[in-house]
Amino acid sequence: MRIQKLTTADELFESEHVLATAFLHPWDENEAREKAKAQAAGTAPVSEESWGIFDDADKLVCSISTLRHQLAFGGQVMPVGEVHMVGSLPEDRGGGNVRTLMAELLRHFKQRGDQMAVLIPFSFSFYRKFGFELAARTMTQRVPINQLGAFGCDYTVTRVSSEQDVAVLQSLYDDFVASRNLASLRSDAAWAYKGNGEWGERDFFHLDRMRYTYVLWDEAGHAHAYVTFIFVTGDKGPFVGELKVSDLIYDSPEAFRGVLGFLYRLRAKATHVEFDLMDDLDLATMIPDCDQAERTVGGHVMARLLDVPGVLQKMPHPAGSGSYVVGVEDAFMPENGGFYRVTFEASKATTVETTDREPDLSVTEETLCQLVVGRIDLNDAGYRAGTVIHGNEETLAQVFVRRPVCLDL
């Protein structure tokens, strides 16, 4: 058995075969071979790596494809590795191949400087075996468009129609995500203007639908928000449908309400508006009839820590000064475990060092991951198995608070 990064066209082709077989997904051999050639040549449209395990007969039996991201964290940039697709041949399962390859891959991520790993799970229990835990989720919220009549829009609204307009979107987006943990720092390619008012890529599930983007401006010519949506018709014919909002970026509550007021202007065509947003805002608390909001939690993304002291160093801290000791147990990557003493001042950690002191807080790596990204606070952590608060609770409660988490792979 050997483990290696897959780099040749033949190896990458076999990886595609393993993943398609594992996911019971139909595949075209010729297309797969051309994709493998493009990956090997470095010309594939998506930058990714592939890793695999070969058995004693030199057959590829398990493969993982990965991506790399730059995510916002604590007002800084965090390099993060994504476990994109994991597959093993059914006839070779049960021997721990995925576990072995996952361990190698996560250590590779850490060695190249990634401080966290993320993935979209097909099974929470499966990936929890490797230290991954729920980090973010979206809330799909659907409301009748007449519920937005309670909101006004005093802004000037224009539709995106040029590269200059897209530059405005990018500036708004970058400011918006700076305060949200794990928000994706989009590449320049993601902001490419395509003409006809469209930029970036269309919704994967609605490739035939045009994307519409509108910007909200004040009287002084400053942009405060933008909204991107598609129009989807249903069983009521081609002239009536729903708006599906994919991007809603704003710099204040007033701008957010202004977007809702603008969307109300489209009520001649749309009966409902559906928002796919992170779950830090609940429209039911804003619209006149709260029971008119249909909410579905989904879009779950899991994460795990690869560099505990590095993440503690980077995470936001209270404005005052103080210190605490956290004890961490990491069953899958024991090297992450230990006692870490953190001192902080003026909202930043000044030192993070290993210590022999007794911890103020004992947690698993999974719980610490949720704490540092702000998915849960100290009170929530107390309900999770493995959490013990030994002391210094006032400081810990100021450090570990809920924060907006915006992870959307």
Protein backbone atom coordinates (compact mmCIF):
# COMPACT_ATOMS: atom_id res chain seq x y z
CA MET A 1 0.00 0.00 0.00
CA ARG A 2 1.23 3.49 -0.79
CA ILE A 3 -0.18 6.98 -0.42
CA GLN A 4 0.70 9.79 -2.80
CA LYS A 5 -0.44 12.94 -4.47
CA LEU A 6 -1.88 12.19 -7.90
CA THR A 7 -0.26 14.26 -10.62
CA THR A 8 -0.16 12.38 -13.92
CA ALA A 9 -3.07 12.28 -16.36
CA ASP A 10 -3.46 8.51 -15.84
CA GLU A 11 -3.54 8.86 -12.05
CA LEU A 12 -6.06 11.70 -12.19
CA PHE A 13 -8.19 9.73 -14.64
CA GLU A 14 -8.28 6.78 -12.22
CA SER A 15 -9.20 9.18 -9.42
CA GLU A 16 -12.20 10.38 -11.43
CA HIS A 17 -13.18 6.75 -11.95
CA VAL A 18 -12.94 5.93 -8.22
CA LEU A 19 -14.97 8.98 -7.22
CA ALA A 20 -17.66 8.36 -9.85
CA THR A 21 -17.94 4.73 -8.76
CA ALA A 22 -18.07 5.64 -5.07
CA PHE A 23 -20.81 8.21 -5.61
CA LEU A 24 -22.72 5.92 -8.03
CA HIS A 25 -22.47 8.79 -10.49
CA PRO A 26 -22.57 8.25 -14.26
CA TRP A 27 -19.46 9.42 -16.03
CA ASP A 28 -18.15 9.76 -19.54
CA GLU A 29 -14.76 8.09 -19.98
CA ASN A 30 -13.65 10.45 -22.73
CA GLU A 31 -14.67 13.55 -20.78
CA ALA A 32 -12.92 12.24 -17.69
CA ARG A 33 -9.73 11.60 -19.61
CA GLU A 34 -9.75 15.11 -21.10
CA LYS A 35 -10.35 16.62 -17.66
CA ALA A 36 -7.47 14.58 -16.25
CA LYS A 37 -5.17 15.81 -19.02
CA ALA A 38 -6.15 19.42 -18.26
CA GLN A 39 -5.54 18.92 -14.54
CA ALA A 40 -2.15 17.36 -15.17
CA ALA A 41 -1.24 20.26 -17.44
CA GLY A 42 -2.45 22.82 -14.91
CA THR A 43 -5.10 24.22 -17.24
CA ALA A 44 -8.22 22.89 -15.50
CA PRO A 45 -10.79 25.61 -14.69
CA VAL A 46 -10.86 24.60 -11.01
CA SER A 47 -7.64 24.53 -9.03
CA GLU A 48 -7.56 21.30 -7.07
CA GLU A 49 -5.32 18.52 -5.88
CA SER A 50 -5.99 14.81 -5.72
CA TRP A 51 -4.56 12.21 -3.36
CA GLY A 52 -4.91 8.46 -3.40
CA ILE A 53 -4.11 5.09 -1.87
CA PHE A 54 -2.84 2.27 -4.08
CA ASP A 55 -3.15 -1.34 -2.94
CA ASP A 56 -0.40 -3.97 -3.16
CA ALA A 57 -1.42 -4.69 -6.76
CA ASP A 58 -0.87 -0.99 -7.55
CA LYS A 59 -4.59 -0.33 -8.08
CA LEU A 60 -6.01 3.00 -6.91
CA VAL A 61 -8.66 2.08 -4.32
CA CYS A 62 -9.32 5.36 -2.51
CA SER A 63 -9.11 8.98 -3.64
CA ILE A 64 -9.73 12.44 -2.22
CA SER A 65 -9.88 15.65 -4.24
CA THR A 66 -9.18 18.94 -2.47
CA LEU A 67 -9.50 22.68 -2.95
CA ARG A 68 -7.85 25.61 -1.19
CA HIS A 69 -9.54 28.78 0.03
CA GLN A 70 -8.70 32.13 1.54
CA LEU A 71 -11.32 32.85 4.21
CA ALA A 72 -11.93 35.82 6.47
CA PHE A 73 -11.26 35.15 10.15
CA GLY A 74 -10.99 37.69 12.92
CA GLY A 75 -10.47 40.49 10.42
CA GLN A 76 -7.54 38.60 8.89
CA VAL A 77 -7.03 36.04 6.12
CA MET A 78 -6.97 32.36 6.97
CA PRO A 79 -5.68 29.72 4.53
CA VAL A 80 -8.06 26.75 4.57
CA GLY A 81 -8.02 23.38 2.83
CA GLU A 82 -11.27 21.88 1.59
CA VAL A 83 -11.84 18.13 1.50
CA HIS A 84 -13.87 18.32 -1.69
CA MET A 85 -14.72 14.72 -2.67
CA VAL A 86 -13.92 11.48 -0.84
CA GLY A 87 -14.40 8.11 -2.47
CA SER A 88 -13.32 4.50 -2.15
CA LEU A 89 -14.13 1.49 -4.28
CA PRO A 90 -16.96 -0.53 -2.70
CA GLU A 91 -15.05 -3.81 -3.03
CA ASP A 92 -12.15 -2.38 -1.01
CA ARG A 93 -14.07 -0.79 1.85
CA GLY A 94 -13.79 -1.77 5.49
CA GLY A 95 -10.00 -1.68 5.71
CA GLY A 96 -9.60 1.90 6.94
CA ASN A 97 -8.43 3.38 3.64
CA VAL A 98 -10.37 6.64 4.02
CA ARG A 99 -9.16 7.06 7.59
CA THR A 100 -5.54 6.49 6.56
CA LEU A 101 -5.73 8.85 3.61
CA MET A 102 -7.60 11.51 5.60
CA ALA A 103 -4.90 11.53 8.27
CA GLU A 104 -2.19 11.98 5.63
CA LEU A 105 -4.15 14.69 3.85
CA LEU A 106 -4.91 16.76 6.97
CA ARG A 107 -1.26 16.71 7.95
CA HIS A 108 -0.38 17.80 4.41
CA PHE A 109 -2.82 20.71 4.78
CA LYS A 110 -1.18 21.69 8.06
CA GLN A 111 2.35 21.44 6.67
CA ARG A 112 1.53 23.77 3.77
CA GLY A 113 0.13 26.35 6.19
CA ASP A 114 -3.61 25.70 6.29
CA GLN A 115 -4.99 26.43 9.75
CA MET A 116 -8.37 24.77 9.24
CA ALA A 117 -9.99 22.17 7.00
CA VAL A 118 -13.58 22.36 5.77
CA LEU A 119 -16.02 20.16 3.87
CA ILE A 120 -19.66 19.71 2.89
CA PRO A 121 -20.70 16.42 4.51
CA PHE A 122 -22.81 13.63 3.12
CA SER A 123 -22.87 12.29 6.68
CA PHE A 124 -22.11 14.18 9.87
CA SER A 125 -21.31 11.04 11.84
CA PHE A 126 -18.85 9.86 9.19
CA TYR A 127 -16.77 13.04 9.23
CA ARG A 128 -16.99 13.54 12.98
CA LYS A 129 -14.71 10.49 13.20
CA PHE A 130 -11.99 12.75 11.75
CA GLY A 131 -12.62 15.71 14.06
CA PHE A 132 -14.93 17.72 11.79
CA GLU A 133 -17.84 19.57 13.37
CA LEU A 134 -20.70 21.80 12.21
CA ALA A 135 -19.31 25.29 11.61
CA ALA A 136 -21.92 27.05 9.46
CA ARG A 137 -25.28 26.59 7.84
CA THR A 138 -27.63 28.56 5.64
CA MET A 139 -31.26 29.28 6.28
CA THR A 140 -33.47 29.29 3.20
CA GLN A 141 -36.24 31.77 3.95
CA ARG A 142 -39.24 32.14 1.66
CA VAL A 143 -41.79 34.90 2.16
CA PRO A 144 -44.73 36.22 0.13
CA ILE A 145 -43.55 39.34 -1.63
CA ASN A 146 -46.46 41.34 -0.19
CA GLN A 147 -44.79 40.98 3.22
CA LEU A 148 -42.03 43.27 1.97
CA GLY A 149 -44.48 46.12 1.48
CA ALA A 150 -43.72 47.20 5.04
CA PHE A 151 -40.24 48.29 3.94
CA GLY A 152 -39.43 51.43 2.01
CA CYS A 153 -36.54 52.15 -0.32
CA ASP A 154 -35.31 55.74 -0.39
CA TYR A 155 -32.12 54.82 -2.23
CA THR A 156 -31.41 55.32 -5.90
CA VAL A 157 -31.31 51.87 -7.50
CA THR A 158 -29.36 50.95 -10.63
CA ARG A 159 -28.78 47.68 -12.39
CA VAL A 160 -25.22 46.46 -12.89
CA SER A 161 -24.16 47.13 -16.47
CA SER A 162 -20.37 47.45 -16.59
CA GLU A 163 -17.04 46.34 -15.14
CA GLN A 164 -17.02 49.56 -13.09
CA ASP A 165 -20.32 48.53 -11.49
CA VAL A 166 -18.89 45.11 -10.61
CA ALA A 167 -15.92 46.82 -8.94
CA VAL A 168 -18.46 48.55 -6.69
CA LEU A 169 -19.99 45.17 -5.83
CA GLN A 170 -16.59 43.75 -4.98
CA SER A 171 -15.80 46.65 -2.67
CA LEU A 172 -19.12 46.26 -0.85
CA TYR A 173 -18.61 42.52 -0.57
CA ASP A 174 -15.06 42.79 0.77
CA ASP A 175 -16.17 45.23 3.48
CA PHE A 176 -19.17 43.03 4.35
CA VAL A 177 -17.24 39.78 4.80
CA ALA A 178 -14.37 41.36 6.76
CA SER A 179 -16.45 41.14 9.95
CA ARG A 180 -17.81 37.65 9.27
CA ASN A 181 -15.82 34.59 10.17
CA LEU A 182 -15.03 32.07 7.43
CA ALA A 183 -16.47 34.20 4.65
CA SER A 184 -14.97 33.41 1.27
CA LEU A 185 -12.54 35.99 -0.11
CA ARG A 186 -13.54 35.68 -3.74
CA SER A 187 -10.95 35.63 -6.48
CA ASP A 188 -10.88 38.27 -9.21
CA ALA A 189 -12.21 35.64 -11.62
CA ALA A 190 -15.38 35.39 -9.52
CA TRP A 191 -16.03 39.06 -10.27
CA ALA A 192 -15.50 38.92 -14.03
CA TYR A 193 -18.13 40.91 -15.90
CA LYS A 194 -19.80 38.74 -18.54
CA GLY A 195 -21.93 41.37 -20.25
CA ASN A 196 -25.69 41.87 -20.30
CA GLY A 197 -25.64 42.76 -16.61
CA GLU A 198 -24.17 39.44 -15.47
CA TRP A 199 -20.94 38.78 -13.61
CA GLY A 200 -19.30 35.68 -12.17
CA GLU A 201 -20.90 32.29 -12.68
CA ARG A 202 -24.56 31.40 -12.87
CA ASP A 203 -26.29 29.29 -10.24
CA PHE A 204 -25.21 25.67 -10.84
CA PHE A 205 -28.80 24.47 -10.39
CA HIS A 206 -30.25 27.18 -12.67
CA LEU A 207 -27.71 27.55 -15.44
CA ASP A 208 -30.44 28.63 -17.85
CA ARG A 209 -31.55 31.54 -15.66
CA MET A 210 -30.16 35.06 -16.00
CA ARG A 211 -28.81 36.68 -12.83
CA TYR A 212 -30.01 40.19 -12.05
CA THR A 213 -27.97 42.48 -9.79
CA TYR A 214 -29.03 45.89 -8.48
CA VAL A 215 -27.06 48.44 -6.43
CA LEU A 216 -28.50 50.87 -3.87
CA TRP A 217 -26.95 54.38 -3.77
CA ASP A 218 -27.44 57.36 -1.47
CA GLU A 219 -27.83 60.98 -2.59
CA ALA A 220 -24.08 61.54 -2.36
CA GLY A 221 -23.39 58.69 -4.79
CA HIS A 222 -22.16 56.17 -2.22
CA ALA A 223 -23.19 52.53 -2.67
CA HIS A 224 -24.65 50.85 0.42
CA ALA A 225 -26.01 47.49 -0.74
CA TYR A 226 -26.51 45.17 -3.64
CA VAL A 227 -28.79 42.22 -4.32
CA THR A 228 -28.48 39.43 -6.90
CA PHE A 229 -31.39 37.16 -7.83
CA ILE A 230 -32.84 34.97 -10.53
CA PHE A 231 -36.47 34.71 -11.63
CA VAL A 232 -37.91 31.19 -11.61
CA THR A 233 -41.35 30.36 -13.00
CA GLY A 234 -43.51 27.54 -11.73
CA ASP A 235 -46.83 25.88 -12.41
CA LYS A 236 -48.65 29.20 -12.86
CA GLY A 237 -47.20 29.79 -16.30
CA PRO A 238 -44.19 31.61 -17.74
CA PHE A 239 -45.21 35.09 -16.61
CA VAL A 240 -45.44 34.65 -12.85
CA GLY A 241 -42.82 33.15 -10.59
CA GLU A 242 -40.50 33.70 -7.65
CA LEU A 243 -37.30 35.59 -7.00
CA LYS A 244 -34.42 33.54 -5.64
CA VAL A 245 -31.84 35.76 -3.96
CA SER A 246 -28.28 34.43 -3.94
CA ASP A 247 -26.31 37.53 -2.86
CA LEU A 248 -27.53 40.18 -0.44
CA ILE A 249 -24.75 42.50 0.73
CA TYR A 250 -25.36 45.60 2.86
CA ASP A 251 -23.46 47.97 5.12
CA SER A 252 -26.21 48.76 7.64
CA PRO A 253 -29.66 47.67 8.81
CA GLU A 254 -31.09 50.63 6.86
CA ALA A 255 -29.51 49.35 3.65
CA PHE A 256 -30.83 45.83 4.33
CA ARG A 257 -34.35 47.20 4.73
CA GLY A 258 -33.85 49.22 1.58
CA VAL A 259 -33.12 46.03 -0.37
CA LEU A 260 -36.33 44.47 0.93
CA GLY A 261 -38.26 47.59 -0.09
CA PHE A 262 -36.74 47.49 -3.58
CA LEU A 263 -37.64 43.81 -4.06
CA TYR A 264 -41.26 44.69 -3.26
CA ARG A 265 -41.31 46.70 -6.50
CA LEU A 266 -41.12 43.42 -8.42
CA ARG A 267 -44.45 42.14 -7.09
CA ALA A 268 -46.10 42.35 -10.54
CA LYS A 269 -44.02 39.35 -11.62
CA ALA A 270 -43.08 37.62 -8.37
CA THR A 271 -45.37 36.07 -5.80
CA HIS A 272 -42.62 35.13 -3.34
CA VAL A 273 -38.99 35.88 -2.57
CA GLU A 274 -36.61 33.15 -1.43
CA PHE A 275 -33.39 34.07 0.35
CA ASP A 276 -30.43 31.71 0.75
CA LEU A 277 -28.55 33.43 3.55
CA MET A 278 -26.49 32.54 6.56
CA ASP A 279 -28.75 32.00 9.56
CA ASP A 280 -27.76 35.10 11.57
CA LEU A 281 -30.86 36.97 10.33
CA ASP A 282 -34.41 35.70 10.70
CA LEU A 283 -36.94 37.41 8.44
CA ALA A 284 -39.78 36.21 10.66
CA THR A 285 -38.66 38.81 13.22
CA MET A 286 -39.01 41.59 10.63
CA ILE A 287 -42.05 40.99 8.42
CA PRO A 288 -45.59 41.94 9.52
CA ASP A 289 -46.92 38.36 9.67
CA CYS A 290 -44.16 36.19 11.11
CA ASP A 291 -46.02 32.97 10.32
CA GLN A 292 -45.72 33.79 6.61
CA ALA A 293 -41.99 33.04 6.66
CA GLU A 294 -41.08 29.52 5.60
CA ARG A 295 -37.65 28.60 6.96
CA THR A 296 -35.52 25.60 6.08
CA VAL A 297 -32.11 25.07 7.63
CA GLY A 298 -29.56 23.58 5.23
CA GLY A 299 -26.28 24.22 3.53
CA HIS A 300 -24.33 22.67 6.38
CA VAL A 301 -20.57 23.02 6.30
CA MET A 302 -18.19 21.27 8.69
CA ALA A 303 -14.74 22.36 9.79
CA ARG A 304 -11.88 21.18 11.97
CA LEU A 305 -8.82 22.85 13.45
CA LEU A 306 -5.38 21.97 12.11
CA ASP A 307 -3.35 24.57 14.01
CA VAL A 308 -4.84 25.19 17.46
CA PRO A 309 -2.31 27.80 18.68
CA GLY A 310 -2.38 29.57 15.30
CA VAL A 311 -6.17 29.87 15.35
CA LEU A 312 -6.21 31.04 18.97
CA GLN A 313 -3.64 33.67 17.99
CA LYS A 314 -5.77 34.88 15.07
CA MET A 315 -9.25 34.86 16.64
CA PRO A 316 -10.79 38.11 17.98
CA HIS A 317 -10.46 38.79 21.71
CA PRO A 318 -12.07 41.26 24.14
CA ALA A 319 -11.04 44.91 24.16
CA GLY A 320 -9.45 44.73 27.61
CA SER A 321 -6.53 42.61 28.75
CA GLY A 322 -6.37 39.21 30.40
CA SER A 323 -5.41 35.59 29.99
CA TYR A 324 -6.87 32.09 30.08
CA VAL A 325 -5.75 28.50 29.66
CA VAL A 326 -7.61 26.08 27.41
CA GLY A 327 -7.04 22.33 27.42
CA VAL A 328 -7.73 20.60 24.11
CA GLU A 329 -8.22 16.92 23.31
CA ASP A 330 -7.96 15.91 19.65
CA ALA A 331 -8.64 12.20 19.14
CA PHE A 332 -7.74 12.13 15.43
CA MET A 333 -4.77 14.51 15.43
CA PRO A 334 -3.26 14.14 18.92
CA GLU A 335 -0.53 16.65 18.09
CA ASN A 336 -3.21 19.35 18.27
CA GLY A 337 -3.95 18.48 21.89
CA GLY A 338 -2.44 20.08 24.96
CA PHE A 339 -2.78 23.04 27.29
CA TYR A 340 -2.51 26.51 25.73
CA ARG A 341 -2.16 29.74 27.69
CA VAL A 342 -3.47 32.78 25.82
CA THR A 343 -2.81 36.37 26.84
CA PHE A 344 -4.67 39.17 25.09
CA GLU A 345 -4.86 42.94 24.98
CA ALA A 346 -6.76 45.47 22.86
CA SER A 347 -8.88 42.83 21.06
CA LYS A 348 -5.90 40.69 20.00
CA ALA A 349 -4.03 37.72 21.39
CA THR A 350 -0.51 38.80 22.29
CA THR A 351 0.90 35.36 23.09
CA VAL A 352 -0.21 31.75 22.74
CA GLU A 353 2.09 29.20 24.36
CA THR A 354 1.95 25.67 25.68
CA THR A 355 1.82 25.43 29.45
CA ASP A 356 1.73 22.98 32.34
CA ARG A 357 -0.84 25.08 34.17
CA GLU A 358 -4.23 23.58 34.89
CA PRO A 359 -6.78 24.69 32.27
CA ASP A 360 -9.62 27.11 32.87
CA LEU A 361 -11.55 25.33 30.13
CA SER A 362 -11.31 21.72 28.91
CA VAL A 363 -12.84 20.98 25.50
CA THR A 364 -12.57 18.64 22.56
CA GLU A 365 -11.09 19.96 19.33
CA GLU A 366 -14.57 19.82 17.78
CA THR A 367 -16.04 22.09 20.48
CA LEU A 368 -13.08 24.47 20.31
CA CYS A 369 -13.59 24.73 16.55
CA GLN A 370 -17.18 25.87 17.06
CA LEU A 371 -16.10 28.27 19.80
CA VAL A 372 -13.33 30.01 17.86
CA VAL A 373 -15.44 30.54 14.72
CA GLY A 374 -18.33 31.83 16.82
CA ARG A 375 -20.85 29.14 15.91
CA ILE A 376 -21.49 28.67 19.64
CA ASP A 377 -20.64 30.59 22.81
CA LEU A 378 -19.32 29.43 26.18
CA ASN A 379 -22.81 28.68 27.46
CA ASP A 380 -23.57 26.49 24.44
CA ALA A 381 -20.24 24.70 24.83
CA GLY A 382 -21.24 23.65 28.35
CA TYR A 383 -23.88 21.34 26.87
CA ARG A 384 -21.39 19.47 24.68
CA ALA A 385 -19.73 16.28 25.85
CA GLY A 386 -16.16 16.77 27.02
CA THR A 387 -16.57 20.39 28.13
CA VAL A 388 -15.56 21.34 31.68
CA ILE A 389 -15.31 24.93 32.91
CA HIS A 390 -12.83 24.87 35.78
CA GLY A 391 -12.61 28.62 36.49
CA ASN A 392 -11.96 32.10 35.08
CA GLU A 393 -15.48 31.94 33.69
CA GLU A 394 -15.98 35.70 33.36
CA THR A 395 -13.00 36.01 31.01
CA LEU A 396 -13.94 32.90 29.05
CA ALA A 397 -17.49 34.22 28.54
CA GLN A 398 -16.06 37.42 27.05
CA VAL A 399 -13.69 35.53 24.74
CA PHE A 400 -16.00 32.85 23.40
CA VAL A 401 -19.07 34.61 22.02
CA ARG A 402 -21.33 34.04 19.04
CA ARG A 403 -20.20 35.73 15.84
CA PRO A 404 -21.59 35.93 12.30
CA VAL A 405 -20.31 32.89 10.41
CA CYS A 406 -20.58 33.09 6.64
CA LEU A 407 -19.06 29.90 5.25
CA ASP A 408 -20.56 29.01 1.86
CA LEU A 409 -18.41 26.68 -0.25
